């Protein structure tokens, strides 16, 4: 005769074993995911970021041939690793070792592609496909992820503190053709979606301006938005601008932006930070005020909108 109690007991034991087995599998899967996300990927990102690099303490800029478009010899190794390589970005406040920069025909590939071509959430910093790195546009744009471990452009928001700006007022963006130093003049929060600022999106990703007046209006608006102001770094329509853009957590689809201008021929690379001051009347997108529960004093000030 079938013992129902024994059957129920056996079924219960089997169920517990199945649950235990599934739990162990779930733990293993989670462990693999965590190891991949927090150990393997960060390691690969750090390793690949300097792939094929050399010691750049040597300032020699000799070139591998005599042509006008000759590549600096120190970057040949990186070009051999990735032909999309266009230069290195040095932001001492973030990474003294420098960050590899690439450029391709669109602005999506390197959001999820590492320097060696691997699929990774870290991506690779890249120049806007519209820009020309041989003959700079009015505004050259570099994009990069804001990673929780501070890698890529994850620590760019350090520039929201004027004291950090004073410590690191210059950055370097060396192209494969030439080395360049840039003087930082602004850092701000911006919206990427018009609905986050009363239907308006500040055109900070403009690469070229139709007139000197439009350029001046643009720079004026940038300064209104910046955490700090330093009149010691003047900007005119003949200058070249470098813009770094990354995500920010101020609100959904927010961006943190750093802007710098190219050091002019014959100009000192030194920045007089004694003239830097906190912007006491800083402009933010509407979504920022909404998150803070504050009134936007610029909401109806159309003169602040660059058309």
C-alpha atoms as a PDB file:
ATOM      1  CA  UNK A   1       0.000   0.000   0.000  1.00  0.00           C
ATOM      2  CA  UNK A   2       1.326   3.456  -0.958  1.00  0.00           C
ATOM      3  CA  UNK A   3       2.324   5.529   2.034  1.00  0.00           C
ATOM      4  CA  UNK A   4       1.015   9.021   1.288  1.00  0.00           C
ATOM      5  CA  UNK A   5       3.068  10.542   4.070  1.00  0.00           C
ATOM      6  CA  UNK A   6       6.256   9.105   2.609  1.00  0.00           C
ATOM      7  CA  UNK A   7       5.330  10.406  -0.865  1.00  0.00           C
ATOM      8  CA  UNK A   8       4.684  13.872   0.514  1.00  0.00           C
ATOM      9  CA  UNK A   9       7.934  13.734   2.449  1.00  0.00           C
ATOM     10  CA  UNK A  10       9.886  12.670  -0.622  1.00  0.00           C
ATOM     11  CA  UNK A  11       8.250  15.389  -2.707  1.00  0.00           C
ATOM     12  CA  UNK A  12       9.111  17.986  -0.081  1.00  0.00           C
ATOM     13  CA  UNK A  13      12.732  16.819   0.029  1.00  0.00           C
ATOM     14  CA  UNK A  14      12.921  16.930  -3.760  1.00  0.00           C
ATOM     15  CA  UNK A  15      11.415  20.427  -3.821  1.00  0.00           C
ATOM     16  CA  UNK A  16      13.938  21.628  -1.251  1.00  0.00           C
ATOM     17  CA  UNK A  17      16.781  20.144  -3.254  1.00  0.00           C
ATOM     18  CA  UNK A  18      15.536  21.813  -6.435  1.00  0.00           C
ATOM     19  CA  UNK A  19      15.193  25.144  -4.657  1.00  0.00           C
ATOM     20  CA  UNK A  20      18.654  24.724  -3.142  1.00  0.00           C
ATOM     21  CA  UNK A  21      20.093  23.861  -6.544  1.00  0.00           C
ATOM     22  CA  UNK A  22      18.454  26.830  -8.195  1.00  0.00           C
ATOM     23  CA  UNK A  23      19.660  29.067  -5.380  1.00  0.00           C
ATOM     24  CA  UNK A  24      23.228  27.862  -5.840  1.00  0.00           C
ATOM     25  CA  UNK A  25      22.989  28.452  -9.589  1.00  0.00           C
ATOM     26  CA  UNK A  26      21.595  31.959  -8.966  1.00  0.00           C
ATOM     27  CA  UNK A  27      24.448  32.723  -6.553  1.00  0.00           C
ATOM     28  CA  UNK A  28      27.016  31.484  -9.084  1.00  0.00           C
ATOM     29  CA  UNK A  29      25.456  33.557 -11.888  1.00  0.00           C
ATOM     30  CA  UNK A  30      25.372  36.649  -9.668  1.00  0.00           C
ATOM     31  CA  UNK A  31      28.973  36.064  -8.620  1.00  0.00           C
ATOM     32  CA  UNK A  32      30.071  35.749 -12.247  1.00  0.00           C
ATOM     33  CA  UNK A  33      28.200  38.951 -13.116  1.00  0.00           C
ATOM     34  CA  UNK A  34      29.732  40.843 -10.190  1.00  0.00           C
ATOM     35  CA  UNK A  35      33.228  39.595 -10.952  1.00  0.00           C
ATOM     36  CA  UNK A  36      32.828  40.562 -14.606  1.00  0.00           C
ATOM     37  CA  UNK A  37      31.310  43.981 -13.801  1.00  0.00           C
ATOM     38  CA  UNK A  38      33.511  45.038 -10.898  1.00  0.00           C
ATOM     39  CA  UNK A  39      36.803  43.245 -11.495  1.00  0.00           C
ATOM     40  CA  UNK A  40      37.288  42.037 -15.061  1.00  0.00           C
ATOM     41  CA  UNK A  41      35.741  44.975 -16.955  1.00  0.00           C
ATOM     42  CA  UNK A  42      37.431  47.680 -14.830  1.00  0.00           C
ATOM     43  CA  UNK A  43      40.751  45.864 -15.189  1.00  0.00           C
ATOM     44  CA  UNK A  44      40.353  45.524 -18.946  1.00  0.00           C
ATOM     45  CA  UNK A  45      39.339  49.164 -19.195  1.00  0.00           C
ATOM     46  CA  UNK A  46      42.451  50.331 -17.349  1.00  0.00           C
ATOM     47  CA  UNK A  47      44.650  47.970 -19.346  1.00  0.00           C
ATOM     48  CA  UNK A  48      43.160  48.797 -22.738  1.00  0.00           C
ATOM     49  CA  UNK A  49      43.216  52.522 -22.127  1.00  0.00           C
ATOM     50  CA  UNK A  50      46.980  52.453 -22.367  1.00  0.00           C
ATOM     51  CA  UNK A  51      47.153  49.733 -25.005  1.00  0.00           C
ATOM     52  CA  UNK A  52      50.335  50.041 -27.006  1.00  0.00           C
ATOM     53  CA  UNK A  53      51.214  53.328 -25.322  1.00  0.00           C
ATOM     54  CA  UNK A  54      54.709  54.610 -24.617  1.00  0.00           C
ATOM     55  CA  UNK A  55      56.295  56.842 -22.023  1.00  0.00           C
ATOM     56  CA  UNK A  56      55.207  60.347 -22.975  1.00  0.00           C
ATOM     57  CA  UNK A  57      57.531  62.018 -20.507  1.00  0.00           C
ATOM     58  CA  UNK A  58      59.662  62.408 -23.623  1.00  0.00           C
ATOM     59  CA  UNK A  59      58.271  65.551 -25.282  1.00  0.00           C
ATOM     60  CA  UNK A  60      59.837  64.741 -28.637  1.00  0.00           C
ATOM     61  CA  UNK A  61      57.341  65.194 -31.467  1.00  0.00           C
ATOM     62  CA  UNK A  62      59.335  63.618 -34.269  1.00  0.00           C
ATOM     63  CA  UNK A  63      57.254  62.112 -37.040  1.00  0.00           C
ATOM     64  CA  UNK A  64      57.539  58.866 -38.903  1.00  0.00           C
ATOM     65  CA  UNK A  65      57.782  60.558 -42.310  1.00  0.00           C
ATOM     66  CA  UNK A  66      58.174  64.021 -43.757  1.00  0.00           C
ATOM     67  CA  UNK A  67      54.628  64.578 -44.996  1.00  0.00           C
ATOM     68  CA  UNK A  68      52.444  67.421 -43.740  1.00  0.00           C
ATOM     69  CA  UNK A  69      49.970  64.976 -42.197  1.00  0.00           C
ATOM     70  CA  UNK A  70      52.628  62.820 -40.547  1.00  0.00           C
ATOM     71  CA  UNK A  71      51.615  61.129 -37.327  1.00  0.00           C
ATOM     72  CA  UNK A  72      53.679  61.661 -34.187  1.00  0.00           C
ATOM     73  CA  UNK A  73      55.919  58.635 -33.795  1.00  0.00           C
ATOM     74  CA  UNK A  74      54.894  58.144 -30.156  1.00  0.00           C
ATOM     75  CA  UNK A  75      51.341  57.326 -31.293  1.00  0.00           C
ATOM     76  CA  UNK A  76      52.135  54.799 -34.010  1.00  0.00           C
ATOM     77  CA  UNK A  77      51.790  51.883 -31.581  1.00  0.00           C
ATOM     78  CA  UNK A  78      48.293  52.991 -30.557  1.00  0.00           C
ATOM     79  CA  UNK A  79      47.265  53.421 -34.190  1.00  0.00           C
ATOM     80  CA  UNK A  80      48.397  49.877 -34.837  1.00  0.00           C
ATOM     81  CA  UNK A  81      46.075  48.686 -32.068  1.00  0.00           C
ATOM     82  CA  UNK A  82      43.119  50.768 -33.282  1.00  0.00           C
ATOM     83  CA  UNK A  83      43.134  52.761 -36.549  1.00  0.00           C
ATOM     84  CA  UNK A  84      40.310  54.948 -35.133  1.00  0.00           C
ATOM     85  CA  UNK A  85      42.715  56.357 -32.528  1.00  0.00           C
ATOM     86  CA  UNK A  86      43.054  60.155 -32.886  1.00  0.00           C
ATOM     87  CA  UNK A  87      44.753  61.338 -29.704  1.00  0.00           C
ATOM     88  CA  UNK A  88      45.042  61.338 -25.931  1.00  0.00           C
ATOM     89  CA  UNK A  89      43.228  63.416 -23.343  1.00  0.00           C
ATOM     90  CA  UNK A  90      45.003  64.396 -20.136  1.00  0.00           C
ATOM     91  CA  UNK A  91      42.943  65.684 -17.214  1.00  0.00           C
ATOM     92  CA  UNK A  92      45.201  65.585 -14.183  1.00  0.00           C
ATOM     93  CA  UNK A  93      42.200  65.905 -11.857  1.00  0.00           C
ATOM     94  CA  UNK A  94      40.976  62.544 -13.187  1.00  0.00           C
ATOM     95  CA  UNK A  95      43.766  60.449 -14.691  1.00  0.00           C
ATOM     96  CA  UNK A  96      47.381  61.516 -15.038  1.00  0.00           C
ATOM     97  CA  UNK A  97      48.014  58.586 -17.358  1.00  0.00           C
ATOM     98  CA  UNK A  98      45.849  59.976 -20.129  1.00  0.00           C
ATOM     99  CA  UNK A  99      42.769  58.621 -21.874  1.00  0.00           C
ATOM    100  CA  UNK A 100      42.731  57.212 -25.392  1.00  0.00           C
ATOM    101  CA  UNK A 101      40.456  59.081 -27.797  1.00  0.00           C
ATOM    102  CA  UNK A 102      38.955  57.649 -30.977  1.00  0.00           C
ATOM    103  CA  UNK A 103      36.780  58.926 -33.816  1.00  0.00           C
ATOM    104  CA  UNK A 104      34.616  57.150 -36.340  1.00  0.00           C
ATOM    105  CA  UNK A 105      31.773  57.964 -38.742  1.00  0.00           C
ATOM    106  CA  UNK A 106      29.031  57.989 -36.093  1.00  0.00           C
ATOM    107  CA  UNK A 107      28.569  58.754 -32.414  1.00  0.00           C
ATOM    108  CA  UNK A 108      27.240  55.375 -31.332  1.00  0.00           C
ATOM    109  CA  UNK A 109      29.913  52.733 -31.956  1.00  0.00           C
ATOM    110  CA  UNK A 110      32.197  53.588 -29.045  1.00  0.00           C
ATOM    111  CA  UNK A 111      29.432  53.929 -26.497  1.00  0.00           C
ATOM    112  CA  UNK A 112      29.759  50.172 -26.010  1.00  0.00           C
ATOM    113  CA  UNK A 113      33.047  49.350 -27.740  1.00  0.00           C
ATOM    114  CA  UNK A 114      36.395  49.229 -25.988  1.00  0.00           C
ATOM    115  CA  UNK A 115      39.658  50.458 -27.450  1.00  0.00           C
ATOM    116  CA  UNK A 116      40.584  46.976 -28.650  1.00  0.00           C
ATOM    117  CA  UNK A 117      37.154  46.369 -30.158  1.00  0.00           C
ATOM    118  CA  UNK A 118      35.654  44.422 -27.250  1.00  0.00           C
ATOM    119  CA  UNK A 119      32.058  44.921 -26.143  1.00  0.00           C
ATOM    120  CA  UNK A 120      32.047  46.839 -22.841  1.00  0.00           C
ATOM    121  CA  UNK A 121      29.788  49.208 -20.941  1.00  0.00           C
ATOM    122  CA  UNK A 122      32.833  51.429 -20.393  1.00  0.00           C
ATOM    123  CA  UNK A 123      33.038  52.256 -24.079  1.00  0.00           C
ATOM    124  CA  UNK A 124      35.863  54.508 -25.262  1.00  0.00           C
ATOM    125  CA  UNK A 125      36.105  58.291 -25.252  1.00  0.00           C
ATOM    126  CA  UNK A 126      35.407  59.602 -28.744  1.00  0.00           C
ATOM    127  CA  UNK A 127      35.438  62.820 -30.751  1.00  0.00           C
ATOM    128  CA  UNK A 128      32.212  63.893 -32.443  1.00  0.00           C
ATOM    129  CA  UNK A 129      32.150  62.499 -35.988  1.00  0.00           C
ATOM    130  CA  UNK A 130      31.550  66.022 -37.350  1.00  0.00           C
ATOM    131  CA  UNK A 131      34.843  67.376 -36.015  1.00  0.00           C
ATOM    132  CA  UNK A 132      38.145  67.729 -37.857  1.00  0.00           C
ATOM    133  CA  UNK A 133      41.144  67.048 -35.609  1.00  0.00           C
ATOM    134  CA  UNK A 134      43.677  68.302 -38.156  1.00  0.00           C
ATOM    135  CA  UNK A 135      42.160  71.753 -38.508  1.00  0.00           C
ATOM    136  CA  UNK A 136      40.052  72.267 -35.398  1.00  0.00           C
ATOM    137  CA  UNK A 137      36.451  73.443 -35.738  1.00  0.00           C
ATOM    138  CA  UNK A 138      35.171  76.272 -33.555  1.00  0.00           C
ATOM    139  CA  UNK A 139      34.098  73.661 -31.024  1.00  0.00           C
ATOM    140  CA  UNK A 140      35.622  70.172 -30.793  1.00  0.00           C
ATOM    141  CA  UNK A 141      33.516  67.754 -28.720  1.00  0.00           C
ATOM    142  CA  UNK A 142      34.650  64.683 -26.810  1.00  0.00           C
ATOM    143  CA  UNK A 143      32.133  62.285 -25.266  1.00  0.00           C
ATOM    144  CA  UNK A 144      32.672  59.691 -22.548  1.00  0.00           C
ATOM    145  CA  UNK A 145      30.750  57.666 -19.992  1.00  0.00           C
ATOM    146  CA  UNK A 146      30.399  58.684 -16.348  1.00  0.00           C
ATOM    147  CA  UNK A 147      31.425  55.431 -14.649  1.00  0.00           C
ATOM    148  CA  UNK A 148      30.721  54.777 -10.978  1.00  0.00           C
ATOM    149  CA  UNK A 149      34.339  53.800 -10.348  1.00  0.00           C
ATOM    150  CA  UNK A 150      35.419  57.252 -11.547  1.00  0.00           C
ATOM    151  CA  UNK A 151      36.969  55.981 -14.776  1.00  0.00           C
ATOM    152  CA  UNK A 152      36.442  57.485 -18.230  1.00  0.00           C
ATOM    153  CA  UNK A 153      34.840  60.900 -17.458  1.00  0.00           C
ATOM    154  CA  UNK A 154      33.362  59.673 -14.178  1.00  0.00           C
ATOM    155  CA  UNK A 155      35.136  62.321 -12.105  1.00  0.00           C
ATOM    156  CA  UNK A 156      34.632  65.271 -14.434  1.00  0.00           C
ATOM    157  CA  UNK A 157      32.121  66.799 -12.006  1.00  0.00           C
ATOM    158  CA  UNK A 158      35.067  67.566  -9.701  1.00  0.00           C
ATOM    159  CA  UNK A 159      35.152  70.807 -11.663  1.00  0.00           C
ATOM    160  CA  UNK A 160      31.890  71.880 -10.053  1.00  0.00           C
ATOM    161  CA  UNK A 161      34.127  72.860  -7.108  1.00  0.00           C
ATOM    162  CA  UNK A 162      36.112  76.004  -7.815  1.00  0.00           C
ATOM    163  CA  UNK A 163      38.971  74.776  -5.640  1.00  0.00           C
ATOM    164  CA  UNK A 164      39.478  71.809  -7.942  1.00  0.00           C
ATOM    165  CA  UNK A 165      39.410  74.155 -10.924  1.00  0.00           C
ATOM    166  CA  UNK A 166      42.133  76.254  -9.311  1.00  0.00           C
ATOM    167  CA  UNK A 167      44.275  73.159  -8.863  1.00  0.00           C
ATOM    168  CA  UNK A 168      43.796  71.932 -12.427  1.00  0.00           C
ATOM    169  CA  UNK A 169      42.975  74.919 -14.693  1.00  0.00           C
ATOM    170  CA  UNK A 170      44.404  73.345 -17.849  1.00  0.00           C
ATOM    171  CA  UNK A 171      43.911  70.083 -19.722  1.00  0.00           C
ATOM    172  CA  UNK A 172      45.721  68.579 -22.680  1.00  0.00           C
ATOM    173  CA  UNK A 173      44.265  67.046 -25.785  1.00  0.00           C
ATOM    174  CA  UNK A 174      47.091  65.778 -27.956  1.00  0.00           C
ATOM    175  CA  UNK A 175      46.081  64.693 -31.427  1.00  0.00           C
ATOM    176  CA  UNK A 176      48.082  62.164 -33.391  1.00  0.00           C
ATOM    177  CA  UNK A 177      49.520  65.142 -35.278  1.00  0.00           C
ATOM    178  CA  UNK A 178      50.350  67.659 -32.554  1.00  0.00           C
ATOM    179  CA  UNK A 179      50.265  68.363 -28.802  1.00  0.00           C
ATOM    180  CA  UNK A 180      47.844  70.996 -27.455  1.00  0.00           C
ATOM    181  CA  UNK A 181      47.119  72.623 -24.106  1.00  0.00           C
ATOM    182  CA  UNK A 182      43.673  74.046 -23.293  1.00  0.00           C
ATOM    183  CA  UNK A 183      42.623  76.525 -20.598  1.00  0.00           C
ATOM    184  CA  UNK A 184      39.441  75.528 -18.768  1.00  0.00           C
ATOM    185  CA  UNK A 185      36.902  78.353 -18.550  1.00  0.00           C
ATOM    186  CA  UNK A 186      33.547  76.733 -17.725  1.00  0.00           C
ATOM    187  CA  UNK A 187      31.853  73.733 -16.111  1.00  0.00           C
ATOM    188  CA  UNK A 188      28.083  73.310 -16.009  1.00  0.00           C
ATOM    189  CA  UNK A 189      25.029  71.047 -15.908  1.00  0.00           C
ATOM    190  CA  UNK A 190      22.892  70.905 -19.052  1.00  0.00           C
ATOM    191  CA  UNK A 191      19.840  69.025 -20.283  1.00  0.00           C
ATOM    192  CA  UNK A 192      19.942  66.787 -23.332  1.00  0.00           C
ATOM    193  CA  UNK A 193      16.149  66.765 -23.778  1.00  0.00           C
ATOM    194  CA  UNK A 194      14.201  69.999 -24.531  1.00  0.00           C
ATOM    195  CA  UNK A 195      11.354  68.995 -22.200  1.00  0.00           C
ATOM    196  CA  UNK A 196      13.760  69.311 -19.262  1.00  0.00           C
ATOM    197  CA  UNK A 197      14.142  73.049 -19.813  1.00  0.00           C
ATOM    198  CA  UNK A 198      10.758  74.375 -20.906  1.00  0.00           C
ATOM    199  CA  UNK A 199      11.173  73.100 -24.464  1.00  0.00           C
ATOM    200  CA  UNK A 200      14.696  74.456 -24.838  1.00  0.00           C
ATOM    201  CA  UNK A 201      18.005  72.637 -25.285  1.00  0.00           C
ATOM    202  CA  UNK A 202      21.118  74.814 -25.123  1.00  0.00           C
ATOM    203  CA  UNK A 203      23.131  74.046 -28.303  1.00  0.00           C
ATOM    204  CA  UNK A 204      26.408  73.263 -26.554  1.00  0.00           C
ATOM    205  CA  UNK A 205      27.167  70.627 -29.197  1.00  0.00           C
ATOM    206  CA  UNK A 206      27.425  73.213 -31.989  1.00  0.00           C
ATOM    207  CA  UNK A 207      30.687  72.601 -33.860  1.00  0.00           C
ATOM    208  CA  UNK A 208      30.853  75.804 -35.932  1.00  0.00           C
ATOM    209  CA  UNK A 209      29.182  79.202 -35.685  1.00  0.00           C
ATOM    210  CA  UNK A 210      27.803  81.254 -38.591  1.00  0.00           C
ATOM    211  CA  UNK A 211      29.075  84.568 -37.231  1.00  0.00           C
ATOM    212  CA  UNK A 212      31.226  86.186 -34.562  1.00  0.00           C
ATOM    213  CA  UNK A 213      28.060  87.463 -32.894  1.00  0.00           C
ATOM    214  CA  UNK A 214      26.597  83.960 -32.580  1.00  0.00           C
ATOM    215  CA  UNK A 215      29.880  82.701 -31.116  1.00  0.00           C
ATOM    216  CA  UNK A 216      29.958  85.541 -28.579  1.00  0.00           C
ATOM    217  CA  UNK A 217      26.332  84.877 -27.600  1.00  0.00           C
ATOM    218  CA  UNK A 218      27.175  81.224 -27.130  1.00  0.00           C
ATOM    219  CA  UNK A 219      30.148  81.963 -24.863  1.00  0.00           C
ATOM    220  CA  UNK A 220      28.084  84.477 -22.896  1.00  0.00           C
ATOM    221  CA  UNK A 221      25.440  81.830 -22.208  1.00  0.00           C
ATOM    222  CA  UNK A 222      28.107  79.276 -21.266  1.00  0.00           C
ATOM    223  CA  UNK A 223      29.541  81.647 -18.668  1.00  0.00           C
ATOM    224  CA  UNK A 224      26.065  82.255 -17.247  1.00  0.00           C
ATOM    225  CA  UNK A 225      25.737  78.482 -16.705  1.00  0.00           C
ATOM    226  CA  UNK A 226      29.219  77.838 -15.306  1.00  0.00           C
ATOM    227  CA  UNK A 227      29.939  77.023 -11.660  1.00  0.00           C
ATOM    228  CA  UNK A 228      32.825  79.466 -11.770  1.00  0.00           C
ATOM    229  CA  UNK A 229      33.959  82.487 -13.764  1.00  0.00           C
ATOM    230  CA  UNK A 230      37.555  83.442 -14.524  1.00  0.00           C
ATOM    231  CA  UNK A 231      37.931  86.583 -16.614  1.00  0.00           C
ATOM    232  CA  UNK A 232      41.667  85.848 -16.830  1.00  0.00           C
ATOM    233  CA  UNK A 233      40.745  83.328 -19.528  1.00  0.00           C
ATOM    234  CA  UNK A 234      39.225  85.494 -22.240  1.00  0.00           C
ATOM    235  CA  UNK A 235      37.577  83.977 -25.311  1.00  0.00           C
ATOM    236  CA  UNK A 236      37.144  85.549 -28.734  1.00  0.00           C
ATOM    237  CA  UNK A 237      35.697  84.303 -32.062  1.00  0.00           C
ATOM    238  CA  UNK A 238      39.153  83.338 -33.328  1.00  0.00           C
ATOM    239  CA  UNK A 239      39.654  80.869 -30.485  1.00  0.00           C
ATOM    240  CA  UNK A 240      39.125  77.127 -30.638  1.00  0.00           C
ATOM    241  CA  UNK A 241      36.975  75.489 -27.962  1.00  0.00           C
ATOM    242  CA  UNK A 242      37.189  71.971 -26.544  1.00  0.00           C
ATOM    243  CA  UNK A 243      34.017  70.531 -24.969  1.00  0.00           C
ATOM    244  CA  UNK A 244      33.913  67.405 -22.790  1.00  0.00           C
ATOM    245  CA  UNK A 245      30.460  65.916 -22.241  1.00  0.00           C
ATOM    246  CA  UNK A 246      29.354  63.107 -19.923  1.00  0.00           C
ATOM    247  CA  UNK A 247      26.182  61.961 -18.166  1.00  0.00           C
ATOM    248  CA  UNK A 248      25.229  63.389 -14.787  1.00  0.00           C
ATOM    249  CA  UNK A 249      22.829  62.329 -12.035  1.00  0.00           C
ATOM    250  CA  UNK A 250      21.395  65.803 -11.354  1.00  0.00           C
ATOM    251  CA  UNK A 251      18.241  64.671 -13.175  1.00  0.00           C
ATOM    252  CA  UNK A 252      17.285  62.198 -15.906  1.00  0.00           C
ATOM    253  CA  UNK A 253      19.299  62.694 -19.118  1.00  0.00           C
ATOM    254  CA  UNK A 254      21.419  65.428 -17.547  1.00  0.00           C
ATOM    255  CA  UNK A 255      24.937  66.126 -18.810  1.00  0.00           C
ATOM    256  CA  UNK A 256      28.005  67.543 -17.096  1.00  0.00           C
ATOM    257  CA  UNK A 257      30.042  69.698 -19.463  1.00  0.00           C
ATOM    258  CA  UNK A 258      33.568  71.069 -19.229  1.00  0.00           C
ATOM    259  CA  UNK A 259      34.805  73.679 -21.705  1.00  0.00           C
ATOM    260  CA  UNK A 260      38.314  74.918 -22.402  1.00  0.00           C
ATOM    261  CA  UNK A 261      39.922  77.072 -25.043  1.00  0.00           C
ATOM    262  CA  UNK A 262      43.096  76.332 -26.942  1.00  0.00           C
ATOM    263  CA  UNK A 263      46.224  78.123 -25.756  1.00  0.00           C
ATOM    264  CA  UNK A 264      47.033  80.721 -28.395  1.00  0.00           C
ATOM    265  CA  UNK A 265      50.312  80.846 -30.277  1.00  0.00           C
ATOM    266  CA  UNK A 266      52.907  82.558 -28.095  1.00  0.00           C
ATOM    267  CA  UNK A 267      50.596  82.626 -25.077  1.00  0.00           C
ATOM    268  CA  UNK A 268      51.699  81.310 -21.688  1.00  0.00           C
ATOM    269  CA  UNK A 269      50.048  78.054 -20.610  1.00  0.00           C
ATOM    270  CA  UNK A 270      49.782  79.404 -17.061  1.00  0.00           C
ATOM    271  CA  UNK A 271      46.312  80.396 -15.835  1.00  0.00           C
ATOM    272  CA  UNK A 272      45.834  83.173 -13.273  1.00  0.00           C
ATOM    273  CA  UNK A 273      43.369  81.430 -10.961  1.00  0.00           C
ATOM    274  CA  UNK A 274      43.450  84.281  -8.433  1.00  0.00           C
ATOM    275  CA  UNK A 275      40.779  85.968 -10.553  1.00  0.00           C
ATOM    276  CA  UNK A 276      38.468  82.933 -10.502  1.00  0.00           C
ATOM    277  CA  UNK A 277      35.255  83.326  -8.532  1.00  0.00           C
ATOM    278  CA  UNK A 278      32.131  81.321  -7.823  1.00  0.00           C
ATOM    279  CA  UNK A 279      29.188  82.174 -10.085  1.00  0.00           C
ATOM    280  CA  UNK A 280      26.608  83.409  -7.569  1.00  0.00           C
ATOM    281  CA  UNK A 281      23.904  83.681 -10.234  1.00  0.00           C
ATOM    282  CA  UNK A 282      24.388  80.388 -12.057  1.00  0.00           C
ATOM    283  CA  UNK A 283      21.800  79.224 -14.557  1.00  0.00           C
ATOM    284  CA  UNK A 284      20.541  75.626 -14.582  1.00  0.00           C
ATOM    285  CA  UNK A 285      17.981  73.758 -16.706  1.00  0.00           C
ATOM    286  CA  UNK A 286      14.388  73.745 -15.420  1.00  0.00           C
ATOM    287  CA  UNK A 287      14.678  70.085 -14.360  1.00  0.00           C
ATOM    288  CA  UNK A 288      17.482  71.001 -11.963  1.00  0.00           C
ATOM    289  CA  UNK A 289      15.273  73.553 -10.203  1.00  0.00           C
ATOM    290  CA  UNK A 290      12.422  71.040 -10.125  1.00  0.00           C
ATOM    291  CA  UNK A 291      14.663  68.460  -8.422  1.00  0.00           C
ATOM    292  CA  UNK A 292      15.704  71.063  -5.845  1.00  0.00           C
ATOM    293  CA  UNK A 293      12.168  72.387  -5.372  1.00  0.00           C
ATOM    294  CA  UNK A 294      13.352  75.873  -6.318  1.00  0.00           C
ATOM    295  CA  UNK A 295      12.013  78.579  -8.632  1.00  0.00           C
ATOM    296  CA  UNK A 296      13.851  79.085 -11.903  1.00  0.00           C
ATOM    297  CA  UNK A 297      14.766  82.798 -12.077  1.00  0.00           C
ATOM    298  CA  UNK A 298      15.678  82.452 -15.759  1.00  0.00           C
ATOM    299  CA  UNK A 299      12.469  80.762 -16.901  1.00  0.00           C
ATOM    300  CA  UNK A 300      11.081  83.784 -18.751  1.00  0.00           C
ATOM    301  CA  UNK A 301      14.403  85.377 -19.653  1.00  0.00           C
ATOM    302  CA  UNK A 302      14.440  84.660 -23.380  1.00  0.00           C
ATOM    303  CA  UNK A 303      17.554  86.778 -23.882  1.00  0.00           C
ATOM    304  CA  UNK A 304      19.535  83.973 -22.254  1.00  0.00           C
ATOM    305  CA  UNK A 305      18.547  81.469 -24.900  1.00  0.00           C
ATOM    306  CA  UNK A 306      21.031  81.100 -27.727  1.00  0.00           C
ATOM    307  CA  UNK A 307      19.136  80.649 -30.957  1.00  0.00           C
END
